[in-house]
Protein backbone atom coordinates (compact mmCIF):
# COMPACT_ATOMS: atom_id res chain seq x y z
CA MET A 1 119.44 148.51 82.57
CA SER A 2 117.75 146.89 79.63
CA ASP A 3 114.06 146.03 79.61
CA ALA A 4 115.00 142.34 79.43
CA SER A 5 116.54 142.52 82.90
CA HIS A 6 113.11 143.47 84.30
CA THR A 7 111.23 140.61 82.66
CA ILE A 8 109.53 138.28 85.12
CA THR A 9 108.89 134.63 84.41
CA ILE A 10 106.44 133.01 86.81
CA ASP A 11 108.11 129.74 87.80
CA VAL A 12 105.38 128.62 90.20
CA PRO A 13 102.01 129.66 88.81
CA VAL A 14 99.12 129.57 91.26
CA GLU A 15 95.44 129.43 90.41
CA LEU A 16 92.90 128.59 93.08
CA LYS A 17 89.26 127.61 92.70
CA SER A 18 88.40 128.70 96.23
CA VAL A 19 89.89 131.13 98.76
CA LYS A 20 88.92 131.25 102.44
CA SER A 21 91.24 133.61 104.28
CA VAL A 22 91.22 135.68 107.44
CA HIS A 23 93.69 138.55 107.50
CA SER A 24 94.79 139.61 110.98
CA ILE A 25 96.01 143.20 110.78
CA GLY A 26 97.30 144.56 114.07
CA SER A 27 99.95 146.98 112.91
CA LEU A 28 100.85 148.72 109.69
CA GLN A 29 103.85 148.52 107.41
CA PHE A 30 103.85 150.77 104.34
CA GLU A 31 104.56 150.52 100.62
CA GLY A 32 105.20 154.24 100.13
CA ASP A 33 102.10 155.81 101.72
CA LEU A 34 99.92 152.74 101.15
CA PRO A 35 99.47 150.30 104.05
CA ALA A 36 101.07 147.07 102.82
CA ALA A 37 98.11 145.06 104.16
CA ILE A 38 95.76 147.00 101.87
CA PHE A 39 98.15 146.44 98.94
CA HIS A 40 98.21 142.70 99.70
CA LEU A 41 94.41 142.59 99.88
CA GLN A 42 94.26 144.34 96.51
CA LEU A 43 96.60 141.67 95.08
CA ILE A 44 94.58 138.72 96.37
CA THR A 45 91.23 140.21 95.35
CA ASN A 46 92.65 140.83 91.87
CA ASP A 47 93.85 137.22 91.76
CA ILE A 48 90.45 135.96 92.89
CA ALA A 49 88.73 137.99 90.18
CA ASN A 50 91.19 136.77 87.50
CA TRP A 51 90.74 133.14 88.57
CA GLY A 52 86.95 133.42 88.85
CA ALA A 53 87.38 131.74 92.24
CA ASP A 54 84.82 131.43 95.00
CA SER A 55 86.00 133.40 97.98
CA GLU A 56 85.44 134.42 101.56
CA VAL A 57 87.98 137.03 102.59
CA ILE A 58 87.63 138.51 106.07
CA VAL A 59 89.89 141.22 107.48
CA VAL A 60 90.17 141.72 111.23
CA PHE A 61 91.72 145.07 112.13
CA HIS A 62 92.95 145.36 115.71
CA THR A 63 95.48 146.93 118.04
CA ASN A 64 97.50 149.63 116.22
CA ALA A 65 95.65 149.25 112.90
CA GLY A 66 92.08 149.59 114.16
CA HIS A 67 91.87 153.25 113.16
CA LEU A 68 91.71 152.27 109.47
CA THR A 69 88.07 151.30 110.05
CA LEU A 70 87.01 154.77 111.29
CA HIS A 71 84.99 157.37 109.39
CA ASP A 72 86.59 160.78 108.88
CA GLU A 73 85.38 162.52 112.03
CA ALA A 74 86.31 159.64 114.34
CA TYR A 75 89.61 159.16 112.49
CA ASN A 76 90.47 162.85 112.92
CA HIS A 77 89.65 162.72 116.62
CA SER A 78 91.62 159.52 117.16
CA ARG A 79 94.66 160.53 115.13
CA LYS A 80 94.57 164.21 116.15
CA ILE A 81 94.52 165.45 112.56
CA ALA A 82 92.00 167.15 110.26
CA ALA A 83 92.57 165.33 106.95
CA GLY A 84 90.16 162.41 107.41
CA ASN A 85 90.78 158.71 106.88
CA PRO A 86 93.10 158.47 103.85
CA ASN A 87 92.25 154.77 103.42
CA LYS A 88 88.44 154.98 103.42
CA ASN A 89 88.12 154.70 99.62
CA LEU A 90 90.52 151.75 99.51
CA ILE A 91 88.48 150.00 102.21
CA ALA A 92 85.26 150.77 100.28
CA VAL A 93 86.66 149.18 97.12
CA LEU A 94 87.62 146.04 99.06
CA VAL A 95 84.08 145.86 100.47
CA GLU A 96 82.68 146.25 96.93
CA ARG A 97 84.86 143.30 95.91
CA GLY A 98 83.29 141.14 98.63
CA VAL A 99 85.84 141.51 101.42
CA LYS A 100 84.29 141.58 104.89
CA ILE A 101 85.87 144.13 107.23
CA GLU A 102 85.78 143.71 111.01
CA LEU A 103 87.14 145.63 113.97
CA CYS A 104 88.24 143.92 117.17
CA GLY A 105 85.78 144.71 119.96
CA ALA A 106 88.58 144.92 122.52
CA THR A 107 90.40 147.47 120.34
CA ALA A 108 87.19 149.46 119.93
CA GLU A 109 86.57 149.44 123.67
CA ALA A 110 90.16 150.41 124.53
CA ASN A 111 89.93 153.39 122.17
CA GLY A 112 86.39 154.46 123.03
CA TRP A 113 85.08 153.72 119.53
CA GLY A 114 81.52 152.58 118.87
CA ASN A 115 79.68 151.26 115.84
CA ALA A 116 78.70 154.83 114.91
CA ASP A 117 82.42 155.69 114.48
CA LEU A 118 82.99 153.12 111.73
CA LEU A 119 83.07 153.24 107.97
CA PRO A 120 80.03 151.72 106.23
CA ASN A 121 79.84 147.91 106.31
CA VAL A 122 82.45 147.50 109.07
CA LYS A 123 81.34 145.11 111.82
CA ILE A 124 82.68 144.82 115.38
CA ASN A 125 83.52 141.30 116.60
CA THR A 126 84.03 140.08 120.18
CA ASP A 127 87.79 140.33 119.87
CA ALA A 128 90.42 139.64 117.22
CA MET A 129 91.83 136.51 118.86
CA ALA A 130 88.50 134.78 119.37
CA ARG A 131 87.31 135.67 115.87
CA THR A 132 90.51 134.48 114.23
CA ILE A 133 90.36 131.17 116.13
CA GLN A 134 86.72 130.75 115.12
CA LEU A 135 87.50 131.32 111.43
CA VAL A 136 90.57 129.05 111.42
CA GLN A 137 88.44 126.30 112.98
CA GLN A 138 85.99 126.86 110.11
CA GLY A 139 88.74 126.20 107.57
CA PHE A 140 89.97 129.73 106.86
CA VAL A 141 93.69 130.23 106.23
CA LYS A 142 95.14 132.83 108.59
CA ILE A 143 97.26 135.56 107.05
CA THR A 144 99.08 137.74 109.58
CA GLU A 145 100.19 141.21 108.57
CA ALA A 146 102.94 142.70 110.69
């Protein structure tokens, strides 16, 4: 294949001045070994930076994706491995870029996780459904990762 066949022309350019989004992540799909939800968050935070947009991006991990918020020891215990949380640095970079990371309180309770089990800057909310409703009512756009 020639290089010309791989050229992309953006037909619908998007540039936003403000982004208010809540990302509901309850299960994981993968791009190779990278959770697609993390890849998508990297894309939107890159866009926000390129646009110079104001933003509030909140991620609510719950159900079968809650373990991404755990520090190494808790992750190892939960996942029955010894390698640690492979996504901790990716989460840290998102936090550095202004993304707020939350864990569903119901997910935490069901798994026996407490605040001390979490990566730095991760907060526990009441539950994913109530928090998502609250944020949508405040004007956030809901993005669902499946």
